[in-house]
Amino acid sequence: MRVLIGTQGWNYAAWVGPFYPPGTRPEEFLSTYARAFRVVEVDSTFYAIPDAKVVRAWMERTPAEFTFALKMPREVTHDRRLRDAEDVVQEFLDRARELGSKLGPVLMQMGPDFAPEEIAALEQFLPALPRDVRFAIEVRDRGWMHANVLPRLLELLNAHGIALALSDGRWIPRETMVQLAEQSTADFLYVRWMGPNRDITDYSRIQFDRSEQIELWSDVLRRAANTKEIYGFFNNHFAGHSPASARELQRMLGQTPVDPASLRVQRTLF
């Protein structure tokens, strides 16, 4: 089982110093990030389909084994609510496929108002998705977890090999997400550590001790023997500084995190 742990995004000026070497320029962020982690979740694709030259720059600045997980544009998930969105989906996936072997799962992050009453839209949308791309979906309305809805949702996702994203945030209780890790609907798990609120504005340091929660998740991931791959991404709002949270989970999983100090040493060579 391959476990890839990273962060949601890389373009944070507040990371210069505690993570990126002092003096690192924005255009160097991604290549430096890729020396510490092997995967990243791209948030910018949620707001717009990236230009081809942007995708090529991502390719050029990362090593061959690096993986990008992309978010489906909000025009599909929020504006059109999965309806009549074939043109946008096609354009987005055509651009995503330019990543080649570096393309990881595509996350469909649904809005908090996307409720079970709209499951028909989901039932119509999912069968039309191509099989050469892996997908995960995140639902934030707690109604999806009700006993009369959840089995239907899981059955639908399982039929199309789509993962239910497990999100540690304020929308659905952590205990429920942990239990769902044992009911995988795809051959991979997709986990997002979001944090309980959006009060954090300083992303340069850990401000809340989340070690207990991270240890809980490390146990959950180690038990996920029925999956081939695990993708996990920390948000800065989880504890204040997502690279440190990601390294903590890596240590708990028996991986060897990259010390930010080594990134400083490497930078002096160039």
C-alpha atoms as a PDB file:
ATOM      1  CA  MET A   1       0.000   0.000   0.000  1.00  0.00           C
ATOM      2  CA  ARG A   2       1.348   3.406  -1.009  1.00  0.00           C
ATOM      3  CA  VAL A   3       0.634   6.280   1.373  1.00  0.00           C
ATOM      4  CA  LEU A   4       1.195   9.792   0.056  1.00  0.00           C
ATOM      5  CA  ILE A   5       0.869  12.639   2.543  1.00  0.00           C
ATOM      6  CA  GLY A   6       1.050  16.294   1.569  1.00  0.00           C
ATOM      7  CA  THR A   7      -0.709  19.621   1.900  1.00  0.00           C
ATOM      8  CA  GLN A   8      -3.511  21.556   0.258  1.00  0.00           C
ATOM      9  CA  GLY A   9      -1.589  23.982  -1.904  1.00  0.00           C
ATOM     10  CA  TRP A  10       2.001  25.206  -1.834  1.00  0.00           C
ATOM     11  CA  ASN A  11       1.818  28.920  -2.623  1.00  0.00           C
ATOM     12  CA  TYR A  12       2.074  30.459   0.850  1.00  0.00           C
ATOM     13  CA  ALA A  13       4.473  33.305   1.579  1.00  0.00           C
ATOM     14  CA  ALA A  14       4.152  32.555   5.318  1.00  0.00           C
ATOM     15  CA  TRP A  15       5.964  29.260   4.729  1.00  0.00           C
ATOM     16  CA  VAL A  16       9.159  31.106   3.794  1.00  0.00           C
ATOM     17  CA  GLY A  17      11.415  30.684   6.814  1.00  0.00           C
ATOM     18  CA  PRO A  18       9.714  27.856   8.725  1.00  0.00           C
ATOM     19  CA  PHE A  19       9.484  25.586   5.661  1.00  0.00           C
ATOM     20  CA  TYR A  20      10.842  27.166   2.498  1.00  0.00           C
ATOM     21  CA  PRO A  21      14.413  28.482   2.856  1.00  0.00           C
ATOM     22  CA  PRO A  22      14.663  32.218   3.582  1.00  0.00           C
ATOM     23  CA  GLY A  23      14.708  34.169   0.357  1.00  0.00           C
ATOM     24  CA  THR A  24      12.780  31.551  -1.644  1.00  0.00           C
ATOM     25  CA  ARG A  25      10.899  33.276  -4.452  1.00  0.00           C
ATOM     26  CA  PRO A  26       7.266  32.397  -5.294  1.00  0.00           C
ATOM     27  CA  GLU A  27       8.312  30.812  -8.581  1.00  0.00           C
ATOM     28  CA  GLU A  28      10.547  28.456  -6.564  1.00  0.00           C
ATOM     29  CA  PHE A  29       7.846  27.361  -4.107  1.00  0.00           C
ATOM     30  CA  LEU A  30       6.621  24.323  -6.030  1.00  0.00           C
ATOM     31  CA  SER A  31      10.033  22.897  -6.901  1.00  0.00           C
ATOM     32  CA  THR A  32      11.110  23.326  -3.271  1.00  0.00           C
ATOM     33  CA  TYR A  33       7.882  21.776  -1.995  1.00  0.00           C
ATOM     34  CA  ALA A  34       8.438  18.778  -4.277  1.00  0.00           C
ATOM     35  CA  ARG A  35      11.741  18.050  -2.545  1.00  0.00           C
ATOM     36  CA  ALA A  36       9.874  17.576   0.735  1.00  0.00           C
ATOM     37  CA  PHE A  37       6.612  15.914  -0.337  1.00  0.00           C
ATOM     38  CA  ARG A  38       5.586  13.643  -3.197  1.00  0.00           C
ATOM     39  CA  VAL A  39       2.000  14.847  -3.554  1.00  0.00           C
ATOM     40  CA  VAL A  40      -0.042  18.039  -3.372  1.00  0.00           C
ATOM     41  CA  GLU A  41      -3.709  18.961  -3.669  1.00  0.00           C
ATOM     42  CA  VAL A  42      -4.175  21.857  -6.101  1.00  0.00           C
ATOM     43  CA  ASP A  43      -6.789  24.316  -4.875  1.00  0.00           C
ATOM     44  CA  SER A  44      -6.519  26.793  -7.745  1.00  0.00           C
ATOM     45  CA  THR A  45      -8.283  24.470 -10.214  1.00  0.00           C
ATOM     46  CA  PHE A  46     -11.417  24.882  -8.099  1.00  0.00           C
ATOM     47  CA  TYR A  47     -11.618  28.507  -9.213  1.00  0.00           C
ATOM     48  CA  ALA A  48     -10.586  28.183 -12.852  1.00  0.00           C
ATOM     49  CA  ILE A  49      -9.299  25.702 -15.408  1.00  0.00           C
ATOM     50  CA  PRO A  50      -5.543  26.319 -15.580  1.00  0.00           C
ATOM     51  CA  ASP A  51      -3.879  27.501 -18.748  1.00  0.00           C
ATOM     52  CA  ALA A  52      -1.820  24.891 -20.593  1.00  0.00           C
ATOM     53  CA  LYS A  53       1.418  26.769 -19.898  1.00  0.00           C
ATOM     54  CA  VAL A  54       0.650  26.680 -16.177  1.00  0.00           C
ATOM     55  CA  VAL A  55       0.224  22.908 -16.246  1.00  0.00           C
ATOM     56  CA  ARG A  56       3.464  22.557 -18.202  1.00  0.00           C
ATOM     57  CA  ALA A  57       5.239  24.641 -15.564  1.00  0.00           C
ATOM     58  CA  TRP A  58       3.959  22.274 -12.863  1.00  0.00           C
ATOM     59  CA  MET A  59       5.360  19.377 -14.859  1.00  0.00           C
ATOM     60  CA  GLU A  60       8.748  21.017 -15.322  1.00  0.00           C
ATOM     61  CA  ARG A  61       9.169  21.993 -11.681  1.00  0.00           C
ATOM     62  CA  THR A  62       8.477  18.575 -10.161  1.00  0.00           C
ATOM     63  CA  PRO A  63      10.254  15.209 -10.318  1.00  0.00           C
ATOM     64  CA  ALA A  64       8.913  12.278 -12.308  1.00  0.00           C
ATOM     65  CA  GLU A  65       7.351  10.521  -9.320  1.00  0.00           C
ATOM     66  CA  PHE A  66       5.427  13.577  -8.104  1.00  0.00           C
ATOM     67  CA  THR A  67       1.608  13.512  -8.000  1.00  0.00           C
ATOM     68  CA  PHE A  68      -0.969  16.301  -8.360  1.00  0.00           C
ATOM     69  CA  ALA A  69      -4.499  15.858  -7.030  1.00  0.00           C
ATOM     70  CA  LEU A  70      -6.745  18.430  -8.688  1.00  0.00           C
ATOM     71  CA  LYS A  71     -10.046  19.913  -7.549  1.00  0.00           C
ATOM     72  CA  MET A  72     -12.902  19.898 -10.030  1.00  0.00           C
ATOM     73  CA  PRO A  73     -13.861  23.483 -10.972  1.00  0.00           C
ATOM     74  CA  ARG A  74     -16.565  25.001  -8.808  1.00  0.00           C
ATOM     75  CA  GLU A  75     -18.516  25.796 -11.960  1.00  0.00           C
ATOM     76  CA  VAL A  76     -19.265  22.068 -12.099  1.00  0.00           C
ATOM     77  CA  THR A  77     -19.827  21.363  -8.408  1.00  0.00           C
ATOM     78  CA  HIS A  78     -21.287  24.616  -7.101  1.00  0.00           C
ATOM     79  CA  ASP A  79     -22.630  26.673  -9.986  1.00  0.00           C
ATOM     80  CA  ARG A  80     -24.098  23.955 -12.196  1.00  0.00           C
ATOM     81  CA  ARG A  81     -24.454  21.450  -9.320  1.00  0.00           C
ATOM     82  CA  LEU A  82     -23.373  18.578 -11.623  1.00  0.00           C
ATOM     83  CA  ARG A  83     -26.092  19.375 -14.153  1.00  0.00           C
ATOM     84  CA  ASP A  84     -25.383  20.154 -17.823  1.00  0.00           C
ATOM     85  CA  ALA A  85     -21.685  20.422 -17.073  1.00  0.00           C
ATOM     86  CA  GLU A  86     -20.268  18.069 -19.693  1.00  0.00           C
ATOM     87  CA  ASP A  87     -18.474  20.833 -21.578  1.00  0.00           C
ATOM     88  CA  VAL A  88     -16.647  22.160 -18.529  1.00  0.00           C
ATOM     89  CA  VAL A  89     -15.763  18.674 -17.314  1.00  0.00           C
ATOM     90  CA  GLN A  90     -14.356  17.742 -20.721  1.00  0.00           C
ATOM     91  CA  GLU A  91     -12.254  20.899 -20.967  1.00  0.00           C
ATOM     92  CA  PHE A  92     -10.947  20.485 -17.437  1.00  0.00           C
ATOM     93  CA  LEU A  93     -10.058  16.807 -17.838  1.00  0.00           C
ATOM     94  CA  ASP A  94      -8.338  17.438 -21.154  1.00  0.00           C
ATOM     95  CA  ARG A  95      -6.115  19.941 -19.355  1.00  0.00           C
ATOM     96  CA  ALA A  96      -5.633  17.617 -16.368  1.00  0.00           C
ATOM     97  CA  ARG A  97      -4.518  14.749 -18.598  1.00  0.00           C
ATOM     98  CA  GLU A  98      -1.557  16.857 -19.723  1.00  0.00           C
ATOM     99  CA  LEU A  99      -0.010  15.904 -16.382  1.00  0.00           C
ATOM    100  CA  GLY A 100       0.305  12.332 -17.635  1.00  0.00           C
ATOM    101  CA  SER A 101       1.561   9.954 -14.948  1.00  0.00           C
ATOM    102  CA  LYS A 102       1.673  12.843 -12.462  1.00  0.00           C
ATOM    103  CA  LEU A 103      -2.117  13.129 -12.420  1.00  0.00           C
ATOM    104  CA  GLY A 104      -3.619  11.785  -9.215  1.00  0.00           C
ATOM    105  CA  PRO A 105      -7.289  11.727  -8.191  1.00  0.00           C
ATOM    106  CA  VAL A 106      -9.661  14.545  -9.063  1.00  0.00           C
ATOM    107  CA  LEU A 107     -11.627  15.798  -6.059  1.00  0.00           C
ATOM    108  CA  MET A 108     -15.231  16.870  -6.480  1.00  0.00           C
ATOM    109  CA  GLN A 109     -15.775  19.124  -3.469  1.00  0.00           C
ATOM    110  CA  MET A 110     -19.499  19.670  -3.174  1.00  0.00           C
ATOM    111  CA  GLY A 111     -20.929  22.700  -1.441  1.00  0.00           C
ATOM    112  CA  PRO A 112     -22.369  22.515   2.081  1.00  0.00           C
ATOM    113  CA  ASP A 113     -25.835  23.035   0.600  1.00  0.00           C
ATOM    114  CA  PHE A 114     -25.587  20.033  -1.750  1.00  0.00           C
ATOM    115  CA  ALA A 115     -28.068  17.835   0.105  1.00  0.00           C
ATOM    116  CA  PRO A 116     -29.318  14.236  -0.354  1.00  0.00           C
ATOM    117  CA  GLU A 117     -32.374  15.588  -2.161  1.00  0.00           C
ATOM    118  CA  GLU A 118     -30.041  16.123  -5.126  1.00  0.00           C
ATOM    119  CA  ILE A 119     -28.783  12.551  -5.315  1.00  0.00           C
ATOM    120  CA  ALA A 120     -30.499  12.172  -8.704  1.00  0.00           C
ATOM    121  CA  ALA A 121     -28.010  14.681 -10.135  1.00  0.00           C
ATOM    122  CA  LEU A 122     -25.210  12.568  -8.738  1.00  0.00           C
ATOM    123  CA  GLU A 123     -26.694   9.388 -10.190  1.00  0.00           C
ATOM    124  CA  GLN A 124     -26.824  10.988 -13.613  1.00  0.00           C
ATOM    125  CA  PHE A 125     -23.401  12.636 -13.422  1.00  0.00           C
ATOM    126  CA  LEU A 126     -21.164   9.815 -12.173  1.00  0.00           C
ATOM    127  CA  PRO A 127     -21.764   7.262 -14.964  1.00  0.00           C
ATOM    128  CA  ALA A 128     -20.613   9.833 -17.528  1.00  0.00           C
ATOM    129  CA  LEU A 129     -17.195  10.272 -15.908  1.00  0.00           C
ATOM    130  CA  PRO A 130     -14.285   8.678 -17.819  1.00  0.00           C
ATOM    131  CA  ARG A 131     -12.574   5.602 -16.433  1.00  0.00           C
ATOM    132  CA  ASP A 132      -9.022   6.727 -17.125  1.00  0.00           C
ATOM    133  CA  VAL A 133      -9.156   9.299 -14.306  1.00  0.00           C
ATOM    134  CA  ARG A 134      -9.737   8.535 -10.629  1.00  0.00           C
ATOM    135  CA  PHE A 135     -12.289  10.594  -8.728  1.00  0.00           C
ATOM    136  CA  ALA A 136     -13.164  11.307  -5.107  1.00  0.00           C
ATOM    137  CA  ILE A 137     -16.189  13.234  -3.875  1.00  0.00           C
ATOM    138  CA  GLU A 138     -16.583  15.244  -0.679  1.00  0.00           C
ATOM    139  CA  VAL A 139     -20.048  15.919   0.723  1.00  0.00           C
ATOM    140  CA  ARG A 140     -20.511  18.386   3.569  1.00  0.00           C
ATOM    141  CA  ASP A 141     -24.222  18.162   4.355  1.00  0.00           C
ATOM    142  CA  ARG A 142     -24.704  15.845   7.345  1.00  0.00           C
ATOM    143  CA  GLY A 143     -27.872  14.512   5.795  1.00  0.00           C
ATOM    144  CA  TRP A 144     -25.741  12.255   3.593  1.00  0.00           C
ATOM    145  CA  MET A 145     -24.747  10.320   6.708  1.00  0.00           C
ATOM    146  CA  HIS A 146     -28.319   9.366   7.688  1.00  0.00           C
ATOM    147  CA  ALA A 147     -29.110   5.668   7.731  1.00  0.00           C
ATOM    148  CA  ASN A 148     -31.681   5.973   4.953  1.00  0.00           C
ATOM    149  CA  VAL A 149     -29.268   7.805   2.616  1.00  0.00           C
ATOM    150  CA  LEU A 150     -25.699   6.636   3.258  1.00  0.00           C
ATOM    151  CA  PRO A 151     -26.084   3.056   1.906  1.00  0.00           C
ATOM    152  CA  ARG A 152     -27.474   4.407  -1.361  1.00  0.00           C
ATOM    153  CA  LEU A 153     -24.596   6.874  -1.652  1.00  0.00           C
ATOM    154  CA  LEU A 154     -21.954   4.226  -0.926  1.00  0.00           C
ATOM    155  CA  GLU A 155     -23.536   1.798  -3.373  1.00  0.00           C
ATOM    156  CA  LEU A 156     -23.522   4.458  -6.079  1.00  0.00           C
ATOM    157  CA  LEU A 157     -19.880   5.364  -5.483  1.00  0.00           C
ATOM    158  CA  ASN A 158     -18.824   1.722  -5.319  1.00  0.00           C
ATOM    159  CA  ALA A 159     -20.524   1.007  -8.645  1.00  0.00           C
ATOM    160  CA  HIS A 160     -18.287   3.589 -10.319  1.00  0.00           C
ATOM    161  CA  GLY A 161     -15.114   3.131  -8.258  1.00  0.00           C
ATOM    162  CA  ILE A 162     -15.278   6.626  -6.815  1.00  0.00           C
ATOM    163  CA  ALA A 163     -13.883   7.333  -3.359  1.00  0.00           C
ATOM    164  CA  LEU A 164     -15.849   9.139  -0.677  1.00  0.00           C
ATOM    165  CA  ALA A 165     -13.399  11.758   0.569  1.00  0.00           C
ATOM    166  CA  LEU A 166     -12.933  11.578   4.335  1.00  0.00           C
ATOM    167  CA  SER A 167     -12.811  15.090   5.722  1.00  0.00           C
ATOM    168  CA  ASP A 168     -11.760  15.994   9.259  1.00  0.00           C
ATOM    169  CA  GLY A 169     -13.552  19.317   9.545  1.00  0.00           C
ATOM    170  CA  ARG A 170     -16.564  21.041  10.999  1.00  0.00           C
ATOM    171  CA  TRP A 171     -19.224  19.562   8.709  1.00  0.00           C
ATOM    172  CA  ILE A 172     -19.454  15.867   9.593  1.00  0.00           C
ATOM    173  CA  PRO A 173     -18.258  14.342  12.904  1.00  0.00           C
ATOM    174  CA  ARG A 174     -14.781  12.831  12.869  1.00  0.00           C
ATOM    175  CA  GLU A 175     -16.117   9.585  14.308  1.00  0.00           C
ATOM    176  CA  THR A 176     -18.317   9.122  11.260  1.00  0.00           C
ATOM    177  CA  MET A 177     -15.449   9.794   8.869  1.00  0.00           C
ATOM    178  CA  VAL A 178     -13.240   7.296  10.696  1.00  0.00           C
ATOM    179  CA  GLN A 179     -15.896   4.607  10.420  1.00  0.00           C
ATOM    180  CA  LEU A 180     -16.291   5.274   6.701  1.00  0.00           C
ATOM    181  CA  ALA A 181     -12.595   4.554   6.165  1.00  0.00           C
ATOM    182  CA  GLU A 182     -13.493   0.889   6.561  1.00  0.00           C
ATOM    183  CA  GLN A 183     -16.152   1.101   3.837  1.00  0.00           C
ATOM    184  CA  SER A 184     -13.955   2.064   0.911  1.00  0.00           C
ATOM    185  CA  THR A 185     -15.783   2.466  -2.397  1.00  0.00           C
ATOM    186  CA  ALA A 186     -12.613   2.669  -4.515  1.00  0.00           C
ATOM    187  CA  ASP A 187      -9.142   1.137  -4.520  1.00  0.00           C
ATOM    188  CA  PHE A 188      -7.764   4.269  -2.843  1.00  0.00           C
ATOM    189  CA  LEU A 189      -8.570   6.465   0.138  1.00  0.00           C
ATOM    190  CA  TYR A 190      -8.694  10.251  -0.036  1.00  0.00           C
ATOM    191  CA  VAL A 191      -8.403  12.098   3.278  1.00  0.00           C
ATOM    192  CA  ARG A 192      -8.523  15.834   3.982  1.00  0.00           C
ATOM    193  CA  TRP A 193      -7.619  17.422   7.317  1.00  0.00           C
ATOM    194  CA  MET A 194      -9.451  20.750   7.268  1.00  0.00           C
ATOM    195  CA  GLY A 195      -9.653  21.869  10.887  1.00  0.00           C
ATOM    196  CA  PRO A 196     -12.652  22.971  12.973  1.00  0.00           C
ATOM    197  CA  ASN A 197     -12.790  26.626  11.908  1.00  0.00           C
ATOM    198  CA  ARG A 198     -11.228  29.382   9.803  1.00  0.00           C
ATOM    199  CA  ASP A 199      -9.901  31.555  12.627  1.00  0.00           C
ATOM    200  CA  ILE A 200      -6.241  30.888  11.830  1.00  0.00           C
ATOM    201  CA  THR A 201      -4.662  33.611   9.706  1.00  0.00           C
ATOM    202  CA  ASP A 202      -0.972  33.015  10.475  1.00  0.00           C
ATOM    203  CA  TYR A 203       0.235  30.001   8.495  1.00  0.00           C
ATOM    204  CA  SER A 204       3.849  30.105   9.670  1.00  0.00           C
ATOM    205  CA  ARG A 205       3.568  27.948  12.795  1.00  0.00           C
ATOM    206  CA  ILE A 206       1.555  25.325  14.616  1.00  0.00           C
ATOM    207  CA  GLN A 207      -0.977  27.052  16.864  1.00  0.00           C
ATOM    208  CA  PHE A 208      -3.120  24.142  18.033  1.00  0.00           C
ATOM    209  CA  ASP A 209      -1.941  20.769  19.245  1.00  0.00           C
ATOM    210  CA  ARG A 210      -3.680  18.234  17.013  1.00  0.00           C
ATOM    211  CA  SER A 211      -1.344  15.336  17.841  1.00  0.00           C
ATOM    212  CA  GLU A 212      -4.152  13.282  19.351  1.00  0.00           C
ATOM    213  CA  GLN A 213      -6.246  13.581  16.195  1.00  0.00           C
ATOM    214  CA  ILE A 214      -3.264  12.837  13.957  1.00  0.00           C
ATOM    215  CA  GLU A 215      -2.436   9.742  15.978  1.00  0.00           C
ATOM    216  CA  LEU A 216      -6.034   8.574  15.641  1.00  0.00           C
ATOM    217  CA  TRP A 217      -5.857   8.975  11.873  1.00  0.00           C
ATOM    218  CA  SER A 218      -2.491   7.221  11.677  1.00  0.00           C
ATOM    219  CA  ASP A 219      -4.122   4.169  13.274  1.00  0.00           C
ATOM    220  CA  VAL A 220      -7.025   4.400  10.820  1.00  0.00           C
ATOM    221  CA  LEU A 221      -4.712   4.573   7.816  1.00  0.00           C
ATOM    222  CA  ARG A 222      -2.575   1.671   8.997  1.00  0.00           C
ATOM    223  CA  ARG A 223      -5.699  -0.489   9.228  1.00  0.00           C
ATOM    224  CA  ALA A 224      -6.815   0.378   5.702  1.00  0.00           C
ATOM    225  CA  ALA A 225      -5.480  -2.861   4.266  1.00  0.00           C
ATOM    226  CA  ASN A 226      -8.214  -3.147   1.625  1.00  0.00           C
ATOM    227  CA  THR A 227      -6.936  -0.199  -0.392  1.00  0.00           C
ATOM    228  CA  LYS A 228      -3.957   0.161  -2.721  1.00  0.00           C
ATOM    229  CA  GLU A 229      -3.190   3.831  -2.162  1.00  0.00           C
ATOM    230  CA  ILE A 230      -3.894   6.569   0.335  1.00  0.00           C
ATOM    231  CA  TYR A 231      -3.800  10.273  -0.480  1.00  0.00           C
ATOM    232  CA  GLY A 232      -3.898  12.648   2.480  1.00  0.00           C
ATOM    233  CA  PHE A 233      -3.779  16.444   2.534  1.00  0.00           C
ATOM    234  CA  PHE A 234      -3.520  18.932   5.398  1.00  0.00           C
ATOM    235  CA  ASN A 235      -5.020  22.408   5.322  1.00  0.00           C
ATOM    236  CA  ASN A 236      -3.260  25.258   7.140  1.00  0.00           C
ATOM    237  CA  HIS A 237      -6.417  25.694   9.220  1.00  0.00           C
ATOM    238  CA  PHE A 238      -6.031  22.246  10.745  1.00  0.00           C
ATOM    239  CA  ALA A 239      -3.328  23.368  13.181  1.00  0.00           C
ATOM    240  CA  GLY A 240      -1.732  26.482  11.692  1.00  0.00           C
ATOM    241  CA  HIS A 241       1.100  25.202   9.486  1.00  0.00           C
ATOM    242  CA  SER A 242       0.220  22.267   7.249  1.00  0.00           C
ATOM    243  CA  PRO A 243       3.769  21.144   6.329  1.00  0.00           C
ATOM    244  CA  ALA A 244       4.470  20.453  10.013  1.00  0.00           C
ATOM    245  CA  SER A 245       1.175  18.555  10.405  1.00  0.00           C
ATOM    246  CA  ALA A 246       2.000  16.465   7.337  1.00  0.00           C
ATOM    247  CA  ARG A 247       5.451  15.626   8.685  1.00  0.00           C
ATOM    248  CA  GLU A 248       3.959  14.613  12.025  1.00  0.00           C
ATOM    249  CA  LEU A 249       1.637  12.124  10.347  1.00  0.00           C
ATOM    250  CA  GLN A 250       4.491  10.822   8.210  1.00  0.00           C
ATOM    251  CA  ARG A 251       6.489  10.095  11.363  1.00  0.00           C
ATOM    252  CA  MET A 252       3.570   8.303  12.973  1.00  0.00           C
ATOM    253  CA  LEU A 253       3.196   6.155   9.853  1.00  0.00           C
ATOM    254  CA  GLY A 254       6.848   5.166   9.981  1.00  0.00           C
ATOM    255  CA  GLN A 255       7.881   7.367   7.073  1.00  0.00           C
ATOM    256  CA  THR A 256      10.936   9.620   7.185  1.00  0.00           C
ATOM    257  CA  PRO A 257       9.900  13.273   6.784  1.00  0.00           C
ATOM    258  CA  VAL A 258      12.195  15.709   5.028  1.00  0.00           C
ATOM    259  CA  ASP A 259      13.684  18.189   7.484  1.00  0.00           C
ATOM    260  CA  PRO A 260      13.121  21.775   6.247  1.00  0.00           C
ATOM    261  CA  ALA A 261      16.746  22.459   7.215  1.00  0.00           C
ATOM    262  CA  SER A 262      17.868  20.108   4.436  1.00  0.00           C
ATOM    263  CA  LEU A 263      15.973  22.237   1.904  1.00  0.00           C
ATOM    264  CA  ARG A 264      18.105  25.199   2.973  1.00  0.00           C
ATOM    265  CA  VAL A 265      21.277  23.193   2.425  1.00  0.00           C
ATOM    266  CA  GLN A 266      20.176  22.086  -1.038  1.00  0.00           C
ATOM    267  CA  ARG A 267      19.252  25.629  -2.031  1.00  0.00           C
ATOM    268  CA  THR A 268      22.774  26.860  -1.304  1.00  0.00           C
ATOM    269  CA  LEU A 269      24.118  24.455  -3.924  1.00  0.00           C
ATOM    270  CA  PHE A 270      22.471  26.386  -6.771  1.00  0.00           C
END
